[in-house]
Amino acid sequence: MLRKITANGRDEIAFIREMRNRNTETDKKVSQAVSEIIENVRLNGDKAVIGYTEKFDGKPYYYEVPADVIQEAVDEADEEFINALLNAMENIAEFHHRQKEQGFIDAKENGVILGQKVRGLNRVGLYIPGGTAPYPSSVLMTAVPAKIAGVKEIIMVTPPMKDGKPNKDILTAAFVCGVDRIFMCGGAQAVAALAYGTEQIPRVDKIAGPGNIYVATAKKLLYGTVDIDMIAGPSDILVIADGSANPGYIAADLLSQAEHDVLASSILVTTSDEIANEVIKELERQIPELPRREIIEKSLADCGGIIVTGSMEKAIETANGIAPEHLEIQAENPMQYLGMIENAGSVFLGEYSPEPLGDYFAGPNHVLPTNGTARFFSPLSVNSFTKRSGFIYYTKQALLDAEKDIVCIAGKEGLTAHANAVKVRFERQL
């Protein structure tokens, strides 16, 4: 069960440090295994990818999923699921359209023209878990902003189910979002295939989407060969609550993250010792009703906690120090605290804004920075799938006016050829 800590400037800091270290170092055996997989895929392409897929996930019915199989999944999908996907996609699209960045041109009086072009990446790869933990919601959250950004082609990889077939819910979500091609492979081998390209799987410019430690390690090792969304760790949630909060709601929201993984972190920071005790009682009441009880109990015991602080200001200071992936504020007038939040992937305000609302429906992206990286990473967005290029046009007179300054700076750097590239245009070569 959750341990309870009274903030005293020492114990809560030790707890936060422990949480940060729970996944700071990837197991060396994992890194070595992933490196070997990456190299094999680089050298042997589809043969290696298919071999690893059969070894780890089972023999897939298809390598690339045929269009008629995707259409069949859509035709068989129940109407309620289709409608839910469409409603969620509408919200996600509306939110992400507001993120779209425009290029600009700055034409100056002296004839100089400066500007920036913004364009979508040519091709991106989406990694979508599909074996024991399929996430059709992640298809929406990755494909929709990519489409809005203007990405020309979306390639999706997803591992087969135990029977070798693709998960039909994922196929349906991919169809609804306009994913172009789907390959049945997962793990580090799928990430390597997207990064390098194989005989059948096209090389992509960026890879986005959640995965296990092997997927995360592969993305980390291949960053530079290909762009990635972020280096993700186990999921986490932090709830800030005052004495007015509902303990039952808090407990349910903590459990919604704990069921993800034994390394998932669920933390309550509250100003009320009474709320802390009531939440513990609620957890004891709700946990036996949940199918993933063993995962939840280990997650809460190893990676969860309750911190009791003397004020909301201290609670918020603690939350900013932790920089959670998901931050809920369950308090009277929660909007008054929003401006004080500096580090959080996504913020949920009020008792009727539970974390799953963000996972599935509201609109903001659910691909979020984890393990304290909200200090410097941002959620997946339309801008994650774009690139920017500056452009410069100078007239002869404008360059002449700038010549002295350019030559001076180039001289300080010892780059005489740089200086000469300007001088030569005015017949003052070195």
Protein backbone atom coordinates (compact mmCIF):
# COMPACT_ATOMS: atom_id res chain seq x y z
CA MET A 1 0.00 0.00 0.00
CA LEU A 2 1.06 3.64 -0.35
CA ARG A 3 3.54 4.90 2.22
CA LYS A 4 2.66 8.19 3.90
CA ILE A 5 5.26 10.90 4.40
CA THR A 6 4.89 14.14 6.32
CA ALA A 7 6.86 16.85 4.56
CA ASN A 8 9.73 18.06 6.75
CA GLY A 9 12.29 19.13 4.17
CA ARG A 10 14.10 15.81 4.39
CA ASP A 11 11.84 12.75 4.05
CA GLU A 12 9.92 13.98 1.01
CA ILE A 13 13.17 14.89 -0.75
CA ALA A 14 14.52 11.38 -0.14
CA PHE A 15 11.28 9.93 -1.52
CA ILE A 16 11.42 12.10 -4.66
CA ARG A 17 15.03 11.09 -5.25
CA GLU A 18 14.05 7.44 -4.95
CA MET A 19 11.29 7.92 -7.53
CA ARG A 20 13.67 9.60 -9.96
CA ASN A 21 16.10 6.71 -9.70
CA ARG A 22 13.55 3.96 -10.29
CA ASN A 23 14.32 3.90 -14.00
CA THR A 24 17.34 6.10 -14.54
CA GLU A 25 19.64 3.37 -15.81
CA THR A 26 18.58 0.92 -18.46
CA ASP A 27 19.66 -2.58 -17.61
CA LYS A 28 22.97 -3.28 -19.35
CA LYS A 29 21.67 -6.62 -20.59
CA VAL A 30 18.74 -4.86 -22.25
CA SER A 31 21.04 -2.35 -23.95
CA GLN A 32 23.31 -5.12 -25.19
CA ALA A 33 20.43 -7.21 -26.50
CA VAL A 34 18.87 -4.22 -28.24
CA SER A 35 22.19 -3.23 -29.81
CA GLU A 36 22.55 -6.72 -31.28
CA ILE A 37 19.01 -6.61 -32.66
CA ILE A 38 19.59 -3.18 -34.23
CA GLU A 39 22.80 -4.31 -35.93
CA ASN A 40 21.18 -7.50 -37.24
CA VAL A 41 18.29 -5.54 -38.72
CA ARG A 42 20.68 -3.01 -40.25
CA LEU A 43 22.60 -5.80 -41.98
CA ASN A 44 19.82 -8.27 -42.80
CA GLY A 45 16.66 -6.21 -43.12
CA ASP A 46 13.32 -7.97 -43.32
CA LYS A 47 14.83 -11.41 -42.70
CA ALA A 48 16.02 -10.27 -39.27
CA VAL A 49 12.77 -8.41 -38.46
CA ILE A 50 10.61 -11.41 -39.34
CA GLY A 51 12.90 -13.76 -37.43
CA TYR A 52 12.70 -11.70 -34.25
CA THR A 53 8.95 -11.28 -34.64
CA GLU A 54 8.47 -15.04 -34.81
CA LYS A 55 10.80 -15.52 -31.83
CA PHE A 56 9.24 -12.93 -29.51
CA ASP A 57 5.65 -12.54 -30.68
CA GLY A 58 4.82 -15.57 -32.82
CA LYS A 59 4.48 -16.09 -36.55
CA PRO A 60 2.37 -13.28 -38.02
CA TYR A 61 -0.35 -13.96 -40.57
CA TYR A 62 0.95 -11.07 -42.66
CA TYR A 63 4.06 -8.92 -42.72
CA GLU A 64 2.31 -5.96 -44.29
CA VAL A 65 -1.39 -6.01 -43.46
CA PRO A 66 -3.43 -6.10 -46.71
CA ALA A 67 -5.99 -3.38 -47.39
CA ASP A 68 -8.86 -5.88 -47.47
CA VAL A 69 -7.95 -7.16 -43.98
CA ILE A 70 -8.02 -3.59 -42.66
CA GLN A 71 -11.37 -2.98 -44.34
CA GLU A 72 -12.74 -6.20 -42.87
CA ALA A 73 -11.74 -5.05 -39.36
CA VAL A 74 -13.56 -1.77 -39.92
CA ASP A 75 -16.66 -3.52 -41.26
CA GLU A 76 -16.77 -5.81 -38.23
CA ALA A 77 -16.16 -3.06 -35.67
CA ASP A 78 -19.15 -2.25 -33.50
CA GLU A 79 -20.82 1.08 -34.14
CA GLU A 80 -20.25 2.32 -30.59
CA PHE A 81 -16.47 1.92 -30.96
CA ILE A 82 -16.39 3.65 -34.34
CA ASN A 83 -18.43 6.56 -32.99
CA ALA A 84 -16.19 6.83 -29.93
CA LEU A 85 -13.10 6.96 -32.15
CA LEU A 86 -14.65 9.62 -34.39
CA ASN A 87 -15.75 11.76 -31.45
CA ALA A 88 -12.33 11.53 -29.81
CA MET A 89 -10.59 12.24 -33.11
CA GLU A 90 -12.70 15.36 -33.59
CA ASN A 91 -11.59 16.70 -30.20
CA ILE A 92 -7.95 15.76 -30.79
CA ALA A 93 -7.95 17.36 -34.25
CA GLU A 94 -9.61 20.56 -33.03
CA PHE A 95 -7.02 20.96 -30.26
CA HIS A 96 -4.03 20.17 -32.47
CA HIS A 97 -5.13 22.43 -35.34
CA ARG A 98 -4.52 25.34 -32.96
CA GLN A 99 -0.86 24.29 -32.69
CA LYS A 100 -0.15 24.60 -36.40
CA GLU A 101 2.72 26.99 -36.96
CA GLN A 102 2.91 29.32 -39.93
CA GLY A 103 6.00 30.37 -41.81
CA PHE A 104 6.84 34.05 -42.20
CA ILE A 105 8.55 36.54 -44.50
CA ASP A 106 10.25 39.69 -43.25
CA ALA A 107 10.90 42.09 -46.17
CA LYS A 108 13.10 44.99 -45.07
CA GLU A 109 13.38 48.46 -46.60
CA ASN A 110 16.95 47.85 -47.82
CA GLY A 111 15.82 44.95 -50.03
CA VAL A 112 16.80 42.17 -47.62
CA ILE A 113 14.27 39.36 -47.37
CA LEU A 114 14.37 36.96 -44.41
CA GLY A 115 11.93 34.25 -43.50
CA GLN A 116 11.11 30.80 -42.27
CA LYS A 117 9.44 27.90 -44.01
CA VAL A 118 7.53 25.28 -42.02
CA ARG A 119 6.72 21.94 -43.60
CA GLY A 120 5.65 18.50 -42.50
CA LEU A 121 8.12 15.64 -42.42
CA ASN A 122 8.12 13.40 -45.46
CA ARG A 123 7.50 10.07 -43.70
CA VAL A 124 6.98 9.10 -40.05
CA GLY A 125 6.70 5.79 -38.25
CA LEU A 126 4.21 5.09 -35.50
CA TYR A 127 4.94 2.38 -32.94
CA ILE A 128 1.68 1.05 -31.51
CA PRO A 129 1.66 -1.77 -28.91
CA GLY A 130 -0.68 -4.48 -30.11
CA GLY A 131 0.03 -7.75 -28.36
CA THR A 132 -1.15 -8.10 -24.76
CA ALA A 133 -1.69 -4.32 -24.36
CA PRO A 134 -3.21 -2.82 -27.53
CA TYR A 135 -3.66 0.96 -27.52
CA PRO A 136 -5.93 2.22 -30.31
CA SER A 137 -5.98 5.57 -28.50
CA SER A 138 -2.27 5.92 -29.25
CA VAL A 139 -3.05 5.64 -32.96
CA LEU A 140 -5.28 8.70 -32.65
CA MET A 141 -2.78 10.65 -30.57
CA THR A 142 0.11 10.08 -32.98
CA ALA A 143 -1.54 9.93 -36.41
CA VAL A 144 -3.87 12.94 -36.03
CA PRO A 145 -1.15 15.55 -35.29
CA ALA A 146 1.07 14.00 -37.97
CA LYS A 147 -1.70 14.46 -40.54
CA ILE A 148 -2.34 18.04 -39.45
CA ALA A 149 1.39 18.77 -39.71
CA GLY A 150 1.31 17.71 -43.36
CA VAL A 151 3.27 14.46 -43.11
CA LYS A 152 3.16 12.83 -46.53
CA GLU A 153 3.22 9.16 -45.47
CA ILE A 154 2.51 7.40 -42.17
CA ILE A 155 3.91 3.91 -41.58
CA MET A 156 2.65 1.99 -38.56
CA VAL A 157 4.27 -1.02 -36.89
CA THR A 158 2.43 -3.13 -34.36
CA PRO A 159 3.16 -6.63 -33.04
CA PRO A 160 0.77 -9.52 -33.76
CA MET A 161 -1.50 -11.01 -31.14
CA LYS A 162 -0.81 -14.50 -29.79
CA ASP A 163 -2.72 -16.09 -32.67
CA GLY A 164 -0.57 -14.26 -35.20
CA LYS A 165 -3.36 -11.95 -36.31
CA PRO A 166 -3.41 -8.16 -36.07
CA ASN A 167 -5.46 -6.46 -33.39
CA LYS A 168 -8.64 -5.36 -35.15
CA ASP A 169 -9.23 -2.37 -32.90
CA ILE A 170 -5.83 -0.99 -33.87
CA LEU A 171 -6.54 -1.61 -37.55
CA THR A 172 -9.84 0.22 -37.21
CA ALA A 173 -8.23 3.21 -35.52
CA ALA A 174 -5.51 3.30 -38.17
CA PHE A 175 -8.11 3.30 -40.94
CA VAL A 176 -10.09 6.09 -39.31
CA CYS A 177 -6.92 8.21 -38.95
CA GLY A 178 -5.66 7.61 -42.47
CA VAL A 179 -2.52 5.58 -41.73
CA ASP A 180 -0.97 4.59 -45.06
CA ARG A 181 0.71 1.23 -44.37
CA ILE A 182 0.74 -1.21 -41.44
CA PHE A 183 3.43 -3.82 -40.71
CA MET A 184 3.09 -6.61 -38.18
CA CYS A 185 6.26 -6.42 -36.14
CA GLY A 186 7.17 -5.01 -32.77
CA GLY A 187 9.97 -4.54 -30.29
CA ALA A 188 13.43 -3.16 -30.98
CA GLN A 189 13.45 -4.86 -34.39
CA ALA A 190 10.48 -2.79 -35.58
CA VAL A 191 12.11 0.43 -34.40
CA ALA A 192 15.34 -0.49 -36.20
CA ALA A 193 13.43 -1.32 -39.36
CA LEU A 194 11.78 2.11 -39.35
CA ALA A 195 15.10 3.83 -38.63
CA TYR A 196 17.17 2.13 -41.33
CA GLY A 197 14.52 0.94 -43.76
CA THR A 198 14.36 -2.62 -45.08
CA GLU A 199 13.40 -4.19 -48.39
CA GLN A 200 9.72 -3.71 -47.53
CA ILE A 201 9.51 -1.26 -44.62
CA PRO A 202 10.33 2.30 -45.74
CA ARG A 203 12.88 4.36 -43.85
CA VAL A 204 11.17 7.10 -41.84
CA ASP A 205 12.25 10.52 -40.61
CA LYS A 206 10.76 10.21 -37.12
CA ILE A 207 9.36 7.51 -34.82
CA ALA A 208 6.62 8.23 -32.29
CA GLY A 209 4.53 6.13 -29.94
CA PRO A 210 4.75 4.18 -26.68
CA GLY A 211 6.49 0.87 -26.07
CA ASN A 212 8.22 -1.34 -23.52
CA ILE A 213 11.80 -1.00 -22.29
CA TYR A 214 13.18 -2.67 -25.45
CA VAL A 215 11.32 -0.22 -27.67
CA ALA A 216 12.37 2.76 -25.54
CA THR A 217 16.01 1.60 -25.53
CA ALA A 218 16.00 1.09 -29.30
CA LYS A 219 14.62 4.60 -29.83
CA LYS A 220 17.28 6.03 -27.53
CA LEU A 221 20.12 4.18 -29.30
CA LEU A 222 18.86 5.11 -32.77
CA TYR A 223 18.27 8.78 -32.03
CA GLY A 224 20.39 10.64 -34.54
CA THR A 225 19.85 8.03 -37.22
CA VAL A 226 16.18 8.92 -36.92
CA ASP A 227 14.31 11.51 -34.88
CA ILE A 228 12.13 10.30 -31.99
CA ASP A 229 9.29 11.80 -30.01
CA MET A 230 10.96 11.49 -26.59
CA ILE A 231 12.76 9.02 -24.34
CA ALA A 232 9.91 7.63 -22.28
CA GLY A 233 9.96 5.73 -19.02
CA PRO A 234 7.18 4.27 -16.85
CA SER A 235 3.98 6.28 -16.60
CA ASP A 236 3.24 8.47 -13.58
CA ILE A 237 0.54 10.60 -11.98
CA LEU A 238 0.58 13.14 -9.17
CA VAL A 239 -2.59 14.42 -7.52
CA ILE A 240 -2.58 17.65 -5.53
CA ALA A 241 -5.54 17.73 -3.13
CA ASP A 242 -6.80 20.02 -0.41
CA GLY A 243 -9.25 19.15 2.35
CA SER A 244 -12.27 19.54 0.03
CA ALA A 245 -11.25 16.74 -2.32
CA ASN A 246 -13.13 13.46 -2.71
CA PRO A 247 -10.97 10.53 -1.46
CA GLY A 248 -12.82 8.06 -3.68
CA TYR A 249 -12.03 10.05 -6.81
CA ILE A 250 -8.38 10.45 -5.82
CA ALA A 251 -7.97 6.73 -5.16
CA ALA A 252 -9.56 5.81 -8.50
CA ASP A 253 -7.28 8.17 -10.37
CA LEU A 254 -4.14 6.87 -8.65
CA LEU A 255 -5.20 3.34 -9.54
CA SER A 256 -5.74 4.29 -13.19
CA GLN A 257 -1.99 4.78 -13.52
CA ALA A 258 -0.84 2.03 -11.19
CA GLU A 259 -2.46 -0.61 -13.41
CA HIS A 260 -0.14 0.27 -16.30
CA ASP A 261 3.05 -1.23 -14.94
CA VAL A 262 4.77 -2.27 -11.72
CA LEU A 263 7.13 0.69 -12.26
CA ALA A 264 4.30 3.20 -12.75
CA SER A 265 4.29 5.88 -10.08
CA SER A 266 1.14 7.18 -8.33
CA ILE A 267 1.65 10.00 -5.84
CA LEU A 268 -0.75 12.08 -3.77
CA VAL A 269 0.39 15.42 -2.34
CA THR A 270 -2.20 16.80 0.05
CA THR A 271 -2.59 19.49 2.68
CA SER A 272 -4.92 17.25 4.72
CA ASP A 273 -3.85 14.32 6.86
CA GLU A 274 -7.50 13.26 6.99
CA ILE A 275 -7.69 13.10 3.18
CA ALA A 276 -4.48 11.05 3.15
CA ASN A 277 -5.95 8.47 5.54
CA GLU A 278 -9.27 8.34 3.69
CA VAL A 279 -7.52 7.78 0.36
CA ILE A 280 -5.66 4.81 1.85
CA LYS A 281 -9.01 3.36 2.98
CA GLU A 282 -10.47 3.92 -0.49
CA LEU A 283 -7.54 2.18 -2.14
CA GLU A 284 -8.05 -0.83 0.12
CA ARG A 285 -11.72 -0.87 -0.87
CA GLN A 286 -11.25 -0.43 -4.63
CA ILE A 287 -8.20 -2.58 -5.35
CA PRO A 288 -9.86 -6.01 -4.80
CA GLU A 289 -12.38 -5.17 -7.54
CA LEU A 290 -9.71 -4.64 -10.21
CA PRO A 291 -8.42 -7.43 -12.51
CA ARG A 292 -4.83 -6.10 -12.58
CA ARG A 293 -4.61 -6.23 -8.79
CA GLU A 294 -1.12 -7.75 -8.54
CA ILE A 295 0.42 -5.10 -10.82
CA ILE A 296 -1.39 -2.33 -8.94
CA GLU A 297 -0.34 -3.48 -5.48
CA LYS A 298 3.32 -3.77 -6.46
CA SER A 299 3.24 -0.41 -8.25
CA LEU A 300 1.76 1.36 -5.24
CA ALA A 301 4.08 -0.33 -2.75
CA ASP A 302 7.30 0.22 -4.70
CA CYS A 303 6.69 3.44 -6.60
CA GLY A 304 3.79 5.24 -4.93
CA GLY A 305 3.40 7.49 -1.95
CA ILE A 306 1.44 10.16 -0.11
CA ILE A 307 3.12 13.40 0.94
CA VAL A 308 1.31 15.57 3.50
CA THR A 309 2.32 19.23 3.28
CA GLY A 310 1.43 22.30 5.33
CA SER A 311 0.02 24.37 2.47
CA MET A 312 -1.05 24.34 -1.16
CA GLU A 313 2.00 26.43 -2.01
CA LYS A 314 4.26 23.71 -0.58
CA ALA A 315 2.24 21.05 -2.38
CA ILE A 316 2.72 22.84 -5.69
CA GLU A 317 6.43 23.35 -5.00
CA THR A 318 6.71 19.60 -4.40
CA ALA A 319 4.83 18.83 -7.62
CA ASN A 320 7.09 21.14 -9.62
CA GLY A 321 10.08 19.32 -8.19
CA ILE A 322 8.71 15.95 -9.27
CA ALA A 323 7.61 17.22 -12.73
CA PRO A 324 4.91 14.56 -13.26
CA GLU A 325 3.63 13.24 -16.54
CA HIS A 326 0.02 13.72 -15.37
CA LEU A 327 -0.85 16.32 -12.73
CA GLU A 328 -4.33 16.55 -11.22
CA ILE A 329 -5.43 19.43 -9.00
CA GLN A 330 -8.43 18.43 -6.93
CA ALA A 331 -9.12 21.50 -4.81
CA GLU A 332 -11.50 24.37 -4.39
CA ASN A 333 -11.10 26.74 -7.36
CA PRO A 334 -8.32 24.70 -9.02
CA MET A 335 -7.86 27.27 -11.81
CA GLN A 336 -6.23 29.67 -9.35
CA TYR A 337 -3.23 27.33 -9.09
CA LEU A 338 -2.67 26.74 -12.81
CA GLY A 339 -0.27 29.66 -13.18
CA MET A 340 1.92 28.25 -10.40
CA ILE A 341 2.49 24.94 -12.22
CA GLU A 342 5.87 25.01 -13.95
CA ASN A 343 6.63 21.35 -14.67
CA ALA A 344 3.93 18.93 -15.85
CA GLY A 345 3.16 17.02 -19.02
CA SER A 346 -0.58 17.59 -18.81
CA VAL A 347 -2.66 19.28 -16.10
CA PHE A 348 -6.15 18.13 -15.07
CA LEU A 349 -8.17 20.70 -13.15
CA GLY A 350 -11.05 19.84 -10.85
CA GLU A 351 -12.71 16.66 -9.65
CA TYR A 352 -14.45 16.04 -12.99
CA SER A 353 -11.26 16.04 -15.05
CA PRO A 354 -9.79 12.58 -14.36
CA GLU A 355 -6.60 11.50 -16.10
CA PRO A 356 -8.33 9.01 -18.48
CA LEU A 357 -10.18 11.99 -19.98
CA GLY A 358 -6.81 13.06 -21.38
CA ASP A 359 -5.82 9.54 -22.36
CA TYR A 360 -8.79 9.04 -24.64
CA PHE A 361 -10.96 11.99 -25.42
CA ALA A 362 -10.46 15.62 -24.42
CA GLY A 363 -8.00 16.69 -27.12
CA PRO A 364 -4.53 17.42 -25.63
CA ASN A 365 -2.02 14.72 -26.50
CA HIS A 366 -1.46 11.75 -24.22
CA VAL A 367 2.11 11.10 -25.42
CA LEU A 368 3.75 12.95 -22.55
CA PRO A 369 7.18 13.34 -20.89
CA THR A 370 7.69 10.86 -18.05
CA ASN A 371 10.07 10.33 -15.12
CA GLY A 372 10.59 14.02 -14.37
CA THR A 373 11.44 15.00 -17.96
CA ALA A 374 8.51 17.45 -18.04
CA ARG A 375 11.15 19.88 -16.79
CA PHE A 376 12.40 20.13 -20.39
CA PHE A 377 10.28 17.92 -22.69
CA SER A 378 6.84 18.81 -24.05
CA PRO A 379 3.88 16.64 -25.10
CA LEU A 380 3.72 15.29 -28.63
CA SER A 381 2.28 17.96 -30.90
CA VAL A 382 1.85 19.07 -34.49
CA ASN A 383 5.24 20.76 -34.23
CA SER A 384 6.77 17.37 -33.39
CA PHE A 385 6.10 16.37 -37.00
CA THR A 386 7.36 19.51 -38.74
CA LYS A 387 10.72 20.95 -39.65
CA ARG A 388 11.72 24.57 -40.19
CA SER A 389 14.11 26.17 -42.63
CA GLY A 390 15.23 29.79 -42.57
CA PHE A 391 15.88 31.64 -45.83
CA ILE A 392 17.95 34.72 -46.62
CA TYR A 393 18.08 37.10 -49.59
CA TYR A 394 20.53 40.05 -49.56
CA THR A 395 21.11 42.67 -52.22
CA LYS A 396 24.66 43.67 -53.20
CA GLN A 397 24.41 46.89 -51.20
CA ALA A 398 23.03 45.13 -48.13
CA LEU A 399 25.93 42.67 -48.15
CA LEU A 400 28.38 45.52 -48.62
CA ASP A 401 26.90 47.26 -45.59
CA ALA A 402 27.37 44.08 -43.54
CA GLU A 403 30.84 43.20 -44.89
CA LYS A 404 32.87 44.87 -42.16
CA ASP A 405 31.00 43.16 -39.31
CA ILE A 406 31.07 39.72 -40.96
CA VAL A 407 34.79 39.93 -41.69
CA CYS A 408 35.46 41.09 -38.11
CA ILE A 409 33.61 38.16 -36.53
CA ALA A 410 35.13 35.65 -38.98
CA GLY A 411 38.57 36.98 -38.11
CA LYS A 412 37.95 36.47 -34.40
CA GLU A 413 37.13 32.84 -35.16
CA GLY A 414 40.17 32.39 -37.38
CA LEU A 415 38.05 31.45 -40.38
CA THR A 416 39.64 33.46 -43.14
CA ALA A 417 37.85 31.58 -45.91
CA HIS A 418 34.55 32.69 -44.40
CA ALA A 419 35.70 36.29 -44.57
CA ASN A 420 36.96 35.84 -48.12
CA ALA A 421 33.57 34.49 -49.27
CA VAL A 422 32.23 37.98 -48.57
CA LYS A 423 35.28 39.96 -49.73
CA VAL A 424 35.48 38.17 -53.08
CA ARG A 425 32.15 39.63 -54.09
CA PHE A 426 33.65 43.10 -53.94
CA GLU A 427 36.96 42.12 -55.58
CA ARG A 428 38.85 42.35 -52.34
CA GLN A 429 40.08 38.76 -52.20
CA LEU A 430 42.69 37.65 -49.70
